[in-house]
Amino acid sequence: MSKQTIITADHLNATHLGEKIIILDNCEIVMSGKLKELRATQYSMPVYSNDIEAVPDGYGNITIAPKLNYETVTDIIMHLSNQLNDDIKATVHGDTELVIEVNGK
């Protein structure tokens, strides 16, 4: 009997190695396989907001511009192995839903 747990990718950790991982997109299965390895990368990405700000140009003029914010993005890189022992590399954002399937003993 197997137990299924739904988590987001940013909660994936080394205790899930060897377990079956199912990647979901809008509650539909995109890919699945046994977790062999995982890594995480984090970076800041510029995002324009709806807010505006006054920006002086150094010559006494002021320009109105959209405010630039930065969003931190976490990517989880997973190496999966499917039933045919094909190696699959999957990169997902930290908020991607995953199903962890643990076989009971």
N, C-alpha and C. Protein backbone atom coordinates (compact mmCIF):
# COMPACT_ATOMS: atom_id res chain seq x y z
N MET A 1 0.84 -1.17 0.00
CA MET A 1 0.00 0.00 0.00
C MET A 1 0.89 1.24 0.00
N SER A 2 0.57 2.21 -0.84
CA SER A 2 1.39 3.42 -0.90
C SER A 2 0.61 4.61 -0.36
N LYS A 3 1.36 5.54 0.20
CA LYS A 3 0.79 6.74 0.78
C LYS A 3 1.20 7.92 -0.10
N GLN A 4 0.26 8.78 -0.45
CA GLN A 4 0.56 9.95 -1.28
C GLN A 4 0.42 11.22 -0.47
N THR A 5 1.39 12.11 -0.64
CA THR A 5 1.39 13.40 0.03
C THR A 5 1.62 14.48 -1.01
N ILE A 6 0.86 15.56 -0.97
CA ILE A 6 1.06 16.68 -1.89
C ILE A 6 1.85 17.76 -1.16
N ILE A 7 2.96 18.19 -1.78
CA ILE A 7 3.78 19.27 -1.23
C ILE A 7 4.14 20.21 -2.37
N THR A 8 4.70 21.37 -2.03
CA THR A 8 5.27 22.23 -3.05
C THR A 8 6.74 21.89 -3.18
N ALA A 9 7.31 22.19 -4.34
CA ALA A 9 8.68 21.78 -4.64
C ALA A 9 9.70 22.38 -3.66
N ASP A 10 9.40 23.55 -3.09
CA ASP A 10 10.36 24.13 -2.15
C ASP A 10 10.42 23.38 -0.82
N HIS A 11 9.54 22.41 -0.60
CA HIS A 11 9.59 21.57 0.60
C HIS A 11 10.24 20.21 0.34
N LEU A 12 10.69 19.99 -0.88
CA LEU A 12 11.37 18.74 -1.24
C LEU A 12 12.74 18.72 -0.55
N ASN A 13 13.13 17.57 0.00
CA ASN A 13 14.43 17.48 0.66
C ASN A 13 15.02 16.09 0.49
N ALA A 14 16.18 15.86 1.08
CA ALA A 14 16.93 14.61 0.89
C ALA A 14 16.17 13.39 1.39
N THR A 15 15.22 13.55 2.29
CA THR A 15 14.46 12.39 2.78
C THR A 15 13.57 11.82 1.69
N HIS A 16 13.34 12.58 0.60
CA HIS A 16 12.49 12.11 -0.50
C HIS A 16 13.28 11.36 -1.57
N LEU A 17 14.60 11.25 -1.42
CA LEU A 17 15.40 10.52 -2.40
C LEU A 17 14.93 9.06 -2.46
N GLY A 18 14.80 8.53 -3.66
CA GLY A 18 14.35 7.15 -3.85
C GLY A 18 12.85 6.99 -3.91
N GLU A 19 12.10 8.06 -3.61
CA GLU A 19 10.65 7.97 -3.64
C GLU A 19 10.11 8.42 -4.99
N LYS A 20 8.91 7.96 -5.34
CA LYS A 20 8.29 8.35 -6.60
C LYS A 20 7.76 9.77 -6.45
N ILE A 21 8.12 10.63 -7.41
CA ILE A 21 7.69 12.03 -7.43
C ILE A 21 6.81 12.23 -8.66
N ILE A 22 5.66 12.86 -8.48
CA ILE A 22 4.77 13.18 -9.59
C ILE A 22 4.68 14.70 -9.65
N ILE A 23 5.04 15.28 -10.80
CA ILE A 23 4.98 16.73 -10.99
C ILE A 23 3.61 17.08 -11.56
N LEU A 24 2.93 18.02 -10.90
CA LEU A 24 1.59 18.42 -11.32
C LEU A 24 1.60 19.83 -11.92
N ASP A 25 0.70 20.07 -12.86
CA ASP A 25 0.44 21.41 -13.38
C ASP A 25 -1.07 21.53 -13.51
N ASN A 26 -1.65 22.43 -12.75
CA ASN A 26 -3.11 22.58 -12.70
C ASN A 26 -3.80 21.26 -12.40
N CYS A 27 -3.27 20.53 -11.43
CA CYS A 27 -3.80 19.26 -10.95
C CYS A 27 -3.71 18.13 -11.97
N GLU A 28 -2.94 18.30 -13.04
CA GLU A 28 -2.73 17.23 -14.02
C GLU A 28 -1.27 16.79 -13.98
N ILE A 29 -1.05 15.49 -14.18
CA ILE A 29 0.30 14.93 -14.14
C ILE A 29 1.09 15.36 -15.37
N VAL A 30 2.27 15.93 -15.14
CA VAL A 30 3.16 16.34 -16.22
C VAL A 30 4.24 15.29 -16.41
N MET A 31 4.81 14.81 -15.31
CA MET A 31 5.92 13.87 -15.36
C MET A 31 6.01 13.16 -14.03
N SER A 32 6.57 11.95 -14.04
CA SER A 32 6.79 11.25 -12.78
C SER A 32 8.02 10.37 -12.91
N GLY A 33 8.57 10.03 -11.77
CA GLY A 33 9.74 9.16 -11.73
C GLY A 33 10.28 9.08 -10.32
N LYS A 34 11.27 8.22 -10.13
CA LYS A 34 11.91 8.04 -8.84
C LYS A 34 12.99 9.10 -8.68
N LEU A 35 12.99 9.80 -7.55
CA LEU A 35 13.94 10.90 -7.32
C LEU A 35 15.34 10.35 -7.04
N LYS A 36 16.29 10.71 -7.91
CA LYS A 36 17.67 10.26 -7.78
C LYS A 36 18.56 11.34 -7.18
N GLU A 37 18.28 12.61 -7.50
CA GLU A 37 19.13 13.72 -7.07
C GLU A 37 18.31 15.00 -7.13
N LEU A 38 18.63 15.97 -6.27
CA LEU A 38 17.96 17.26 -6.36
C LEU A 38 18.91 18.38 -5.99
N ARG A 39 18.70 19.53 -6.61
CA ARG A 39 19.46 20.75 -6.34
C ARG A 39 18.48 21.91 -6.36
N ALA A 40 18.88 23.00 -5.74
CA ALA A 40 18.05 24.20 -5.78
C ALA A 40 18.92 25.39 -6.16
N THR A 41 18.36 26.27 -6.99
CA THR A 41 19.02 27.52 -7.32
C THR A 41 18.05 28.64 -6.99
N GLN A 42 18.61 29.74 -6.55
CA GLN A 42 17.79 30.88 -6.17
C GLN A 42 18.37 32.12 -6.82
N TYR A 43 17.52 32.95 -7.40
CA TYR A 43 17.99 34.16 -8.05
C TYR A 43 16.92 35.24 -7.94
N SER A 44 17.35 36.48 -8.14
CA SER A 44 16.42 37.61 -8.14
C SER A 44 16.09 37.97 -9.57
N MET A 45 14.82 38.24 -9.80
CA MET A 45 14.35 38.56 -11.14
C MET A 45 13.66 39.92 -11.11
N PRO A 46 14.03 40.83 -12.03
CA PRO A 46 13.37 42.15 -12.03
C PRO A 46 11.92 42.05 -12.49
N VAL A 47 11.05 42.76 -11.79
CA VAL A 47 9.63 42.76 -12.11
C VAL A 47 9.13 44.20 -12.00
N TYR A 48 8.51 44.71 -13.06
CA TYR A 48 7.92 46.04 -12.99
C TYR A 48 6.58 45.96 -12.28
N SER A 49 6.35 46.93 -11.40
CA SER A 49 5.08 46.94 -10.67
C SER A 49 4.17 48.00 -11.27
N ASN A 50 2.96 48.08 -10.77
CA ASN A 50 2.01 49.11 -11.21
C ASN A 50 2.30 50.45 -10.54
N ASP A 51 3.18 50.45 -9.54
CA ASP A 51 3.55 51.69 -8.86
C ASP A 51 4.46 52.51 -9.77
N ILE A 52 4.40 53.82 -9.60
CA ILE A 52 5.30 54.68 -10.36
C ILE A 52 6.17 55.45 -9.39
N GLU A 53 7.33 55.90 -9.88
CA GLU A 53 8.20 56.69 -9.04
C GLU A 53 8.79 57.82 -9.87
N ALA A 54 9.15 58.91 -9.19
CA ALA A 54 9.78 60.06 -9.84
C ALA A 54 11.28 59.82 -9.85
N VAL A 55 11.89 59.89 -11.03
CA VAL A 55 13.32 59.61 -11.17
C VAL A 55 14.00 60.85 -11.72
N PRO A 56 14.90 61.48 -10.93
CA PRO A 56 15.64 62.65 -11.45
C PRO A 56 16.68 62.18 -12.47
N ASP A 57 16.87 62.98 -13.54
CA ASP A 57 17.82 62.59 -14.57
C ASP A 57 19.19 63.26 -14.42
N GLY A 58 19.38 64.06 -13.38
CA GLY A 58 20.67 64.71 -13.15
C GLY A 58 20.77 66.09 -13.79
N TYR A 59 19.81 66.45 -14.62
CA TYR A 59 19.81 67.76 -15.28
C TYR A 59 18.67 68.64 -14.78
N GLY A 60 18.10 68.31 -13.66
CA GLY A 60 17.01 69.08 -13.09
C GLY A 60 15.64 68.63 -13.56
N ASN A 61 15.57 67.64 -14.42
CA ASN A 61 14.29 67.11 -14.90
C ASN A 61 13.91 65.87 -14.09
N ILE A 62 12.63 65.66 -13.98
CA ILE A 62 12.13 64.47 -13.28
C ILE A 62 11.27 63.68 -14.26
N THR A 63 11.56 62.39 -14.32
CA THR A 63 10.82 61.49 -15.20
C THR A 63 9.98 60.55 -14.34
N ILE A 64 8.77 60.29 -14.79
CA ILE A 64 7.92 59.33 -14.09
C ILE A 64 8.13 57.97 -14.77
N ALA A 65 8.45 56.97 -13.97
CA ALA A 65 8.74 55.64 -14.51
C ALA A 65 8.10 54.57 -13.64
N PRO A 66 7.79 53.40 -14.24
CA PRO A 66 7.28 52.31 -13.41
C PRO A 66 8.37 51.86 -12.44
N LYS A 67 7.96 51.55 -11.23
CA LYS A 67 8.90 51.13 -10.20
C LYS A 67 9.38 49.71 -10.47
N LEU A 68 10.67 49.52 -10.38
CA LEU A 68 11.26 48.20 -10.61
C LEU A 68 11.48 47.50 -9.27
N ASN A 69 10.85 46.37 -9.11
CA ASN A 69 11.02 45.56 -7.91
C ASN A 69 11.77 44.28 -8.29
N TYR A 70 12.24 43.56 -7.30
CA TYR A 70 12.92 42.29 -7.54
C TYR A 70 12.19 41.18 -6.80
N GLU A 71 11.98 40.09 -7.50
CA GLU A 71 11.29 38.93 -6.94
C GLU A 71 12.29 37.79 -6.84
N THR A 72 12.34 37.14 -5.69
CA THR A 72 13.23 36.01 -5.53
C THR A 72 12.54 34.76 -6.06
N VAL A 73 13.22 34.07 -6.96
CA VAL A 73 12.68 32.87 -7.59
C VAL A 73 13.55 31.68 -7.19
N THR A 74 12.93 30.61 -6.79
CA THR A 74 13.64 29.38 -6.46
C THR A 74 13.29 28.32 -7.49
N ASP A 75 14.31 27.76 -8.12
CA ASP A 75 14.12 26.65 -9.05
C ASP A 75 14.65 25.38 -8.41
N ILE A 76 13.88 24.32 -8.49
CA ILE A 76 14.29 23.01 -7.98
C ILE A 76 14.64 22.16 -9.20
N ILE A 77 15.86 21.65 -9.23
CA ILE A 77 16.30 20.80 -10.34
C ILE A 77 16.31 19.37 -9.83
N MET A 78 15.50 18.53 -10.46
CA MET A 78 15.36 17.14 -10.02
C MET A 78 15.85 16.21 -11.11
N HIS A 79 16.56 15.18 -10.72
CA HIS A 79 16.92 14.10 -11.64
C HIS A 79 16.04 12.91 -11.26
N LEU A 80 15.21 12.51 -12.22
CA LEU A 80 14.26 11.43 -11.98
C LEU A 80 14.63 10.24 -12.87
N SER A 81 14.22 9.08 -12.47
CA SER A 81 14.40 7.87 -13.26
C SER A 81 13.03 7.23 -13.44
N ASN A 82 12.62 7.01 -14.71
CA ASN A 82 11.29 6.43 -14.93
C ASN A 82 11.37 4.90 -14.97
N GLN A 83 10.28 4.25 -15.33
CA GLN A 83 10.22 2.78 -15.32
C GLN A 83 11.19 2.15 -16.31
N LEU A 84 11.58 2.89 -17.34
CA LEU A 84 12.52 2.37 -18.33
C LEU A 84 13.97 2.72 -17.98
N ASN A 85 14.19 3.25 -16.75
CA ASN A 85 15.49 3.71 -16.27
C ASN A 85 16.07 4.83 -17.12
N ASP A 86 15.20 5.61 -17.78
CA ASP A 86 15.64 6.82 -18.47
C ASP A 86 15.89 7.89 -17.42
N ASP A 87 17.00 8.62 -17.57
CA ASP A 87 17.26 9.75 -16.68
C ASP A 87 16.53 10.98 -17.21
N ILE A 88 15.80 11.62 -16.34
CA ILE A 88 15.01 12.80 -16.71
C ILE A 88 15.45 13.95 -15.81
N LYS A 89 15.73 15.10 -16.40
CA LYS A 89 16.05 16.29 -15.61
C LYS A 89 14.84 17.22 -15.69
N ALA A 90 14.29 17.57 -14.55
CA ALA A 90 13.12 18.44 -14.50
C ALA A 90 13.45 19.65 -13.63
N THR A 91 13.15 20.83 -14.14
CA THR A 91 13.32 22.07 -13.38
C THR A 91 11.95 22.67 -13.14
N VAL A 92 11.63 22.91 -11.87
CA VAL A 92 10.33 23.48 -11.51
C VAL A 92 10.54 24.65 -10.56
N HIS A 93 9.58 25.54 -10.50
CA HIS A 93 9.62 26.64 -9.54
C HIS A 93 9.25 26.09 -8.16
N GLY A 94 9.64 26.81 -7.14
CA GLY A 94 9.40 26.38 -5.77
C GLY A 94 7.95 26.19 -5.40
N ASP A 95 7.04 26.88 -6.12
CA ASP A 95 5.61 26.76 -5.78
C ASP A 95 4.88 25.68 -6.59
N THR A 96 5.61 24.89 -7.38
CA THR A 96 5.02 23.79 -8.16
C THR A 96 4.57 22.67 -7.23
N GLU A 97 3.36 22.16 -7.46
CA GLU A 97 2.86 21.06 -6.63
C GLU A 97 3.45 19.72 -7.06
N LEU A 98 3.84 18.94 -6.08
CA LEU A 98 4.38 17.60 -6.31
C LEU A 98 3.59 16.61 -5.47
N VAL A 99 3.46 15.41 -5.98
CA VAL A 99 2.89 14.32 -5.18
C VAL A 99 4.04 13.39 -4.85
N ILE A 100 4.23 13.12 -3.57
CA ILE A 100 5.25 12.18 -3.10
C ILE A 100 4.55 10.87 -2.79
N GLU A 101 4.99 9.80 -3.42
CA GLU A 101 4.38 8.49 -3.19
C GLU A 101 5.36 7.60 -2.42
N VAL A 102 4.97 7.22 -1.22
CA VAL A 102 5.81 6.41 -0.36
C VAL A 102 5.17 5.03 -0.24
N ASN A 103 5.93 4.01 -0.56
CA ASN A 103 5.42 2.64 -0.43
C ASN A 103 5.45 2.20 1.00
N GLY A 104 4.33 1.70 1.50
CA GLY A 104 4.26 1.18 2.86
C GLY A 104 4.89 -0.18 2.96
N LYS A 105 5.35 -0.52 4.15
CA LYS A 105 6.01 -1.83 4.36
C LYS A 105 5.23 -2.67 5.31
